[in-house]
Amino acid sequence: MKLLSVAIPCYNSENYMRNCVESLLKGGEDVEIIIVNDGSHDATAQIADEYATKYPTIVKAVHKENGGHGSAVNAGIDNATGLYFKVVDSDDWVQEAAYKKILDTLRELVGGEKTIDMFISNFVYEKEGVKRKKVMRYHRTLPENKIFTWKDVKHFHKGQYILMHSVIFRTKLLKECNLRLPEKTFYVDNIFVFEPLPYVKNMYYLDVNFYRYYIGREDQSVNESVMISRIDQQIKVNKLMVDFYVANKQLFSGDRKLANYMFNHLEIITTISSVLLIRSETEENLEKKKELWKYIKQSDRVLHFRLRHGIMGGAMNLPGKGGRKISVEGYKICQHFFNFN
């Protein structure tokens, strides 16, 4: 059995996927690389088959009809045979020294008494044209180089949260919690790092800058104008996270730190949805913002109260044009500080 399965969701990725695959091949025979061709129209399928032929014991090519990023991740999970599972998007890559250190650490942990459910490392925002790269680190929040549980986790500050780029999950855990991401929907990576968390007991954090998260393509899903054009999908993901939170409170309500993290992550996603709807400056989207908050209130009044009367919820619901302007200025500060969009 392989130590680590890495899924690479690919859609028309011919121009950059080789860099991603080549970086992952440096893991050697301990790694299973699953290239998921999600109905591409360019040379993605041929490149996937080329690697599968050249490295038959490492690379697996999976071809499917187009179903979106979530569908490709689902296919990756379905085809994974490794003990652990990671998603690396086709325009991103991994740093070799950190990669090898992670594999060495996973190898040691597999032989231990406790099973690790989630392995966390840092990621770097590889933003086009920016010399000083922002690194998302967890060194003051998570214990380092030791197995820990939620009770050992310290406070996550605003803007610091666990993304798909940060995590490696135990493959069996993802299958046992029946994680299925929605098809033909963007921003489902938020669900990927939300729904499995109540099932995560033991964790491990390694303070290495492993994942390189590229930001720079105009058509990229995290480009602000693209996000506004796809706002209905952001809202869909937001509502699915609300639904999961409300339906599964019993899974995490007894663990204060896990419950706090789940709430804070949902708060961040709701803030992003709200400010993008404000930022679009259309009456239609302002109505969608009202509808989103109404949906939360109808789903769970206590959750709505906590979200609405928190610092971020309050800032997102200031009245009138002046209030909306303050909301957007706050968002711009977050953009500058955290280097996203």
Protein backbone atom coordinates (compact mmCIF):
# COMPACT_ATOMS: atom_id res chain seq x y z
CA MET A 1 0.00 0.00 0.00
CA LYS A 2 1.20 3.50 -0.85
CA LEU A 3 1.88 5.98 1.92
CA LEU A 4 0.27 8.97 0.21
CA SER A 5 -2.22 9.42 -2.62
CA VAL A 6 -2.18 12.82 -4.32
CA ALA A 7 -5.08 13.80 -6.58
CA ILE A 8 -4.50 16.44 -9.24
CA PRO A 9 -7.84 17.76 -10.59
CA CYS A 10 -7.18 18.90 -14.17
CA TYR A 11 -9.38 20.83 -16.57
CA ASN A 12 -7.67 22.21 -19.68
CA SER A 13 -4.42 22.26 -17.74
CA GLU A 14 -1.94 21.51 -20.53
CA ASN A 15 0.02 24.74 -20.01
CA TYR A 16 0.98 24.18 -16.38
CA MET A 17 0.16 20.64 -15.16
CA ARG A 18 3.62 19.24 -15.97
CA ASN A 19 5.22 21.50 -13.36
CA CYS A 20 2.76 20.16 -10.77
CA VAL A 21 3.28 16.49 -11.68
CA GLU A 22 7.08 16.81 -11.87
CA SER A 23 7.20 18.32 -8.36
CA LEU A 24 5.13 15.41 -6.99
CA LEU A 25 7.18 12.71 -8.75
CA LYS A 26 10.05 13.61 -6.43
CA GLY A 27 8.20 11.69 -3.71
CA GLY A 28 9.12 8.43 -5.40
CA GLU A 29 7.42 5.07 -4.96
CA ASP A 30 5.79 5.96 -1.63
CA VAL A 31 3.41 8.25 -3.51
CA GLU A 32 0.46 7.50 -5.77
CA ILE A 33 -0.27 10.39 -8.15
CA ILE A 34 -3.84 10.40 -9.48
CA ILE A 35 -4.24 12.76 -12.43
CA VAL A 36 -7.97 13.36 -12.84
CA ASN A 37 -8.79 14.64 -16.32
CA ASP A 38 -12.15 16.34 -15.79
CA GLY A 39 -13.41 16.33 -19.38
CA SER A 40 -10.68 18.59 -20.77
CA HIS A 41 -10.72 19.77 -24.40
CA ASP A 42 -6.97 20.35 -24.75
CA ALA A 43 -3.99 18.00 -24.39
CA THR A 44 -4.57 17.32 -20.67
CA ALA A 45 -5.73 13.72 -21.31
CA GLN A 46 -2.69 12.89 -23.45
CA ILE A 47 -0.29 14.38 -20.88
CA ALA A 48 -1.97 12.35 -18.12
CA ASP A 49 -1.65 9.15 -20.16
CA GLU A 50 1.96 9.98 -21.00
CA TYR A 51 2.88 10.16 -17.30
CA ALA A 52 0.87 7.02 -16.47
CA THR A 53 2.76 5.12 -19.18
CA LYS A 54 6.15 6.48 -18.14
CA TYR A 55 5.59 5.91 -14.40
CA PRO A 56 3.14 2.99 -14.21
CA THR A 57 3.85 2.23 -10.53
CA ILE A 58 3.35 5.85 -9.46
CA VAL A 59 0.93 7.66 -11.78
CA LYS A 60 -2.68 6.75 -12.43
CA ALA A 61 -4.69 8.61 -15.11
CA VAL A 62 -8.42 8.91 -14.50
CA HIS A 63 -10.61 10.25 -17.33
CA LYS A 64 -14.14 11.42 -16.68
CA GLU A 65 -16.84 13.71 -18.04
CA ASN A 66 -16.64 17.28 -16.88
CA GLY A 67 -18.14 17.65 -13.42
CA GLY A 68 -16.11 20.46 -11.87
CA HIS A 69 -13.44 20.63 -9.20
CA GLY A 70 -15.49 18.84 -6.54
CA SER A 71 -16.31 16.00 -8.90
CA ALA A 72 -12.60 15.61 -9.72
CA VAL A 73 -11.70 15.51 -6.01
CA ASN A 74 -14.41 12.88 -5.46
CA ALA A 75 -12.87 10.79 -8.26
CA GLY A 76 -9.49 11.20 -6.61
CA ILE A 77 -10.82 9.89 -3.29
CA ASP A 78 -12.58 6.99 -5.04
CA ASN A 79 -9.36 5.93 -6.77
CA ALA A 80 -7.01 6.51 -3.83
CA THR A 81 -5.28 3.46 -2.37
CA GLY A 82 -2.77 5.30 -0.17
CA LEU A 83 -3.03 5.59 3.60
CA TYR A 84 -3.21 9.38 3.33
CA PHE A 85 -4.80 11.71 0.78
CA LYS A 86 -3.82 15.13 -0.55
CA VAL A 87 -5.22 17.40 -3.27
CA VAL A 88 -2.81 19.51 -5.32
CA ASP A 89 -4.39 21.73 -7.97
CA SER A 90 -2.85 21.50 -11.42
CA ASP A 91 -1.48 25.08 -11.44
CA ASP A 92 0.17 24.64 -8.03
CA TRP A 93 3.21 22.64 -6.96
CA VAL A 94 5.09 21.40 -3.88
CA GLN A 95 8.52 22.24 -2.49
CA GLU A 96 10.89 19.26 -2.65
CA ALA A 97 12.69 19.46 0.71
CA ALA A 98 9.43 20.02 2.64
CA TYR A 99 7.77 17.22 0.63
CA LYS A 100 10.45 14.71 1.59
CA LYS A 101 10.33 15.79 5.23
CA ILE A 102 6.56 15.28 5.27
CA LEU A 103 6.88 11.81 3.74
CA ASP A 104 9.58 10.86 6.28
CA THR A 105 7.34 12.09 9.12
CA LEU A 106 4.26 10.26 7.81
CA ARG A 107 6.32 7.08 7.54
CA GLU A 108 7.31 7.36 11.20
CA LEU A 109 3.75 8.17 12.32
CA VAL A 110 2.24 5.18 10.51
CA GLY A 111 4.31 2.87 12.70
CA GLY A 112 3.16 4.56 15.94
CA GLU A 113 0.47 3.67 18.45
CA LYS A 114 -1.94 6.47 17.49
CA THR A 115 -3.57 6.97 14.10
CA ILE A 116 -3.17 10.45 12.63
CA ASP A 117 -6.37 11.74 11.04
CA MET A 118 -5.10 15.07 9.73
CA PHE A 119 -1.57 16.26 8.93
CA ILE A 120 -1.05 20.02 8.59
CA SER A 121 1.75 22.01 7.00
CA ASN A 122 2.22 25.57 5.70
CA PHE A 123 1.44 26.91 2.26
CA VAL A 124 2.91 29.83 0.35
CA TYR A 125 0.92 32.34 -1.71
CA GLU A 126 2.87 32.38 -4.99
CA LYS A 127 1.29 35.63 -6.14
CA GLU A 128 2.38 36.85 -9.58
CA GLY A 129 4.54 39.96 -9.42
CA VAL A 130 5.02 39.87 -5.63
CA LYS A 131 8.60 39.37 -4.44
CA ARG A 132 7.87 38.81 -0.75
CA LYS A 133 5.63 35.76 -0.56
CA LYS A 134 3.00 35.51 2.17
CA VAL A 135 3.19 32.24 4.11
CA MET A 136 0.20 30.77 5.94
CA ARG A 137 1.75 29.30 9.09
CA TYR A 138 0.24 27.76 12.21
CA HIS A 139 3.28 27.73 14.50
CA ARG A 140 1.68 29.77 17.28
CA THR A 141 -1.67 28.03 16.98
CA LEU A 142 -0.85 24.33 16.68
CA PRO A 143 1.65 22.26 18.69
CA GLU A 144 4.67 21.36 16.56
CA ASN A 145 6.25 17.96 15.90
CA LYS A 146 3.91 16.03 18.16
CA ILE A 147 0.55 14.29 18.01
CA PHE A 148 -2.20 16.49 19.44
CA THR A 149 -5.99 16.79 19.70
CA TRP A 150 -8.41 19.74 19.47
CA LYS A 151 -7.99 20.50 23.18
CA ASP A 152 -4.31 21.31 22.52
CA VAL A 153 -5.12 23.84 19.77
CA LYS A 154 -4.67 27.53 20.61
CA HIS A 155 -6.67 30.44 19.19
CA PHE A 156 -6.80 30.89 15.41
CA HIS A 157 -6.63 34.59 14.56
CA LYS A 158 -8.92 36.12 11.94
CA GLY A 159 -7.76 35.21 8.45
CA GLN A 160 -5.82 32.19 9.68
CA TYR A 161 -7.67 29.01 8.91
CA ILE A 162 -7.04 25.57 7.51
CA LEU A 163 -7.32 25.42 3.72
CA MET A 164 -7.16 22.52 1.30
CA HIS A 165 -3.53 23.51 0.66
CA SER A 166 -2.69 22.94 4.34
CA VAL A 167 -4.04 19.45 4.89
CA ILE A 168 -3.38 15.80 4.30
CA PHE A 169 -6.26 13.61 5.51
CA ARG A 170 -6.31 9.93 6.37
CA THR A 171 -7.93 8.41 3.28
CA LYS A 172 -10.14 6.03 5.22
CA LEU A 173 -11.53 8.90 7.29
CA LEU A 174 -12.70 10.72 4.14
CA LYS A 175 -14.39 7.56 2.93
CA GLU A 176 -15.93 6.71 6.31
CA CYS A 177 -17.42 10.21 6.79
CA ASN A 178 -18.91 9.92 3.27
CA LEU A 179 -17.45 13.19 2.07
CA ARG A 180 -18.92 14.01 -1.36
CA LEU A 181 -18.31 17.42 -2.84
CA PRO A 182 -21.02 18.93 -5.05
CA GLU A 183 -20.49 18.74 -8.81
CA LYS A 184 -20.24 21.67 -11.23
CA THR A 185 -19.62 24.03 -8.33
CA PHE A 186 -16.60 26.21 -7.54
CA TYR A 187 -15.25 26.91 -4.04
CA VAL A 188 -15.97 23.39 -2.77
CA ASP A 189 -12.49 23.27 -1.23
CA ASN A 190 -14.14 25.08 1.71
CA ILE A 191 -16.37 22.03 2.23
CA PHE A 192 -13.37 19.70 1.91
CA VAL A 193 -11.75 21.29 4.98
CA PHE A 194 -15.00 21.71 6.93
CA GLU A 195 -17.13 18.57 6.87
CA PRO A 196 -14.39 16.05 7.86
CA LEU A 197 -13.25 18.05 10.90
CA PRO A 198 -15.73 16.61 13.47
CA TYR A 199 -14.28 13.16 12.66
CA VAL A 200 -10.67 14.29 13.15
CA LYS A 201 -9.29 13.28 16.53
CA ASN A 202 -5.48 13.13 16.26
CA MET A 203 -3.48 15.73 14.34
CA TYR A 204 0.13 16.55 13.57
CA TYR A 205 1.66 19.85 12.44
CA LEU A 206 4.98 20.22 10.65
CA ASP A 207 6.21 23.80 10.25
CA VAL A 208 7.46 23.51 6.65
CA ASN A 209 6.47 25.57 3.60
CA PHE A 210 5.21 22.66 1.52
CA TYR A 211 2.40 23.76 -0.83
CA ARG A 212 2.94 26.54 -3.37
CA TYR A 213 -0.42 28.17 -4.13
CA TYR A 214 -0.23 30.06 -7.42
CA ILE A 215 -2.27 33.25 -7.79
CA GLY A 216 -2.08 35.19 -11.01
CA ARG A 217 -4.21 33.80 -13.84
CA GLU A 218 -7.03 36.11 -14.92
CA ASP A 219 -9.46 33.20 -15.20
CA GLN A 220 -8.55 31.82 -11.78
CA SER A 221 -11.50 31.04 -9.52
CA VAL A 222 -10.13 33.23 -6.69
CA ASN A 223 -9.80 36.30 -8.92
CA GLU A 224 -12.25 38.80 -7.40
CA SER A 225 -14.11 39.63 -10.62
CA VAL A 226 -14.44 35.89 -11.34
CA MET A 227 -15.74 35.29 -7.82
CA ILE A 228 -18.38 38.00 -8.27
CA SER A 229 -19.44 36.51 -11.61
CA ARG A 230 -19.80 33.13 -9.87
CA ILE A 231 -21.38 34.49 -6.71
CA ASP A 232 -24.30 32.03 -6.89
CA GLN A 233 -21.82 29.17 -6.46
CA GLN A 234 -20.16 30.89 -3.49
CA ILE A 235 -23.63 31.28 -1.94
CA LYS A 236 -24.42 27.61 -2.66
CA VAL A 237 -21.26 26.49 -0.83
CA ASN A 238 -22.01 28.90 2.02
CA LYS A 239 -25.51 27.44 2.43
CA LEU A 240 -24.22 23.85 2.28
CA MET A 241 -21.80 24.69 5.09
CA VAL A 242 -24.66 26.21 7.11
CA ASP A 243 -26.74 23.06 6.49
CA PHE A 244 -23.90 20.80 7.63
CA TYR A 245 -23.21 22.92 10.71
CA VAL A 246 -26.86 22.91 11.79
CA ALA A 247 -27.47 19.21 11.07
CA ASN A 248 -24.27 17.98 12.73
CA LYS A 249 -23.89 20.20 15.80
CA GLN A 250 -24.04 17.15 18.02
CA LEU A 251 -20.76 15.92 16.50
CA PHE A 252 -18.75 18.89 17.74
CA SER A 253 -20.82 20.72 20.39
CA GLY A 254 -19.08 18.79 23.18
CA ASP A 255 -15.62 19.96 22.05
CA ARG A 256 -15.35 23.69 22.67
CA LYS A 257 -12.26 24.34 20.57
CA LEU A 258 -13.50 22.34 17.60
CA ALA A 259 -16.91 24.05 17.88
CA ASN A 260 -15.23 27.46 17.95
CA TYR A 261 -13.17 26.62 14.89
CA MET A 262 -16.22 25.37 12.95
CA PHE A 263 -18.11 28.56 13.78
CA ASN A 264 -15.18 30.84 12.91
CA HIS A 265 -14.64 29.13 9.55
CA LEU A 266 -18.33 29.49 8.72
CA GLU A 267 -18.15 33.14 9.79
CA ILE A 268 -15.25 33.80 7.40
CA ILE A 269 -17.06 32.16 4.45
CA THR A 270 -20.24 34.13 5.20
CA THR A 271 -18.22 37.35 5.39
CA ILE A 272 -16.62 36.65 2.00
CA SER A 273 -20.05 35.93 0.47
CA SER A 274 -21.52 39.11 1.96
CA VAL A 275 -18.73 41.46 0.95
CA LEU A 276 -18.57 40.14 -2.62
CA LEU A 277 -22.31 40.72 -2.91
CA ILE A 278 -21.81 44.26 -1.62
CA ARG A 279 -18.75 44.81 -3.83
CA SER A 280 -20.67 43.91 -7.00
CA GLU A 281 -22.79 47.06 -6.42
CA THR A 282 -25.95 45.68 -8.03
CA GLU A 283 -29.43 45.74 -6.52
CA GLU A 284 -29.88 42.10 -7.48
CA ASN A 285 -26.87 41.02 -5.44
CA LEU A 286 -27.85 43.17 -2.47
CA GLU A 287 -31.13 41.24 -2.47
CA LYS A 288 -29.15 37.97 -2.61
CA LYS A 289 -27.22 39.12 0.47
CA LYS A 290 -30.49 39.70 2.35
CA GLU A 291 -31.71 36.30 1.21
CA LEU A 292 -28.53 34.58 2.42
CA TRP A 293 -28.86 36.07 5.90
CA LYS A 294 -32.56 35.20 5.94
CA TYR A 295 -31.65 31.61 5.02
CA ILE A 296 -29.24 31.42 7.96
CA LYS A 297 -31.87 32.81 10.32
CA GLN A 298 -34.47 30.27 9.15
CA SER A 299 -31.93 27.45 9.49
CA ASP A 300 -30.82 28.28 13.03
CA ARG A 301 -31.71 31.44 14.97
CA VAL A 302 -28.87 31.03 17.47
CA LEU A 303 -26.30 30.62 14.68
CA HIS A 304 -27.76 33.66 12.91
CA PHE A 305 -27.57 35.76 16.08
CA ARG A 306 -23.92 34.81 16.66
CA LEU A 307 -22.94 35.51 13.05
CA ARG A 308 -24.97 38.70 12.74
CA HIS A 309 -23.75 40.24 15.99
CA GLY A 310 -20.10 39.27 15.71
CA ILE A 311 -17.53 41.85 14.59
CA MET A 312 -17.49 40.67 10.97
CA GLY A 313 -21.24 40.10 10.71
CA GLY A 314 -21.88 43.57 12.10
CA ALA A 315 -19.45 45.11 9.62
CA MET A 316 -21.14 43.30 6.73
CA ASN A 317 -24.57 44.58 7.65
CA LEU A 318 -24.04 48.29 8.23
CA PRO A 319 -26.96 50.26 6.76
CA GLY A 320 -26.91 52.33 3.58
CA LYS A 321 -24.23 53.18 1.03
CA GLY A 322 -21.93 54.55 3.74
CA GLY A 323 -22.12 51.30 5.66
CA ARG A 324 -21.41 49.27 2.55
CA LYS A 325 -18.39 51.47 1.81
CA ILE A 326 -16.97 50.74 5.28
CA SER A 327 -17.55 47.02 4.70
CA VAL A 328 -15.62 47.08 1.43
CA GLU A 329 -12.75 49.12 2.90
CA GLY A 330 -12.40 46.52 5.66
CA TYR A 331 -12.33 43.81 3.01
CA LYS A 332 -9.57 45.64 1.09
CA ILE A 333 -7.44 45.70 4.23
CA CYS A 334 -7.92 41.93 4.58
CA GLN A 335 -6.98 41.46 0.92
CA HIS A 336 -3.78 43.42 1.36
CA PHE A 337 -2.85 41.69 4.61
CA PHE A 338 -3.58 38.11 3.60
CA ASN A 339 -2.69 38.32 -0.12
CA PHE A 340 -5.79 36.58 -1.45
CA ASN A 341 -7.81 37.41 -4.60
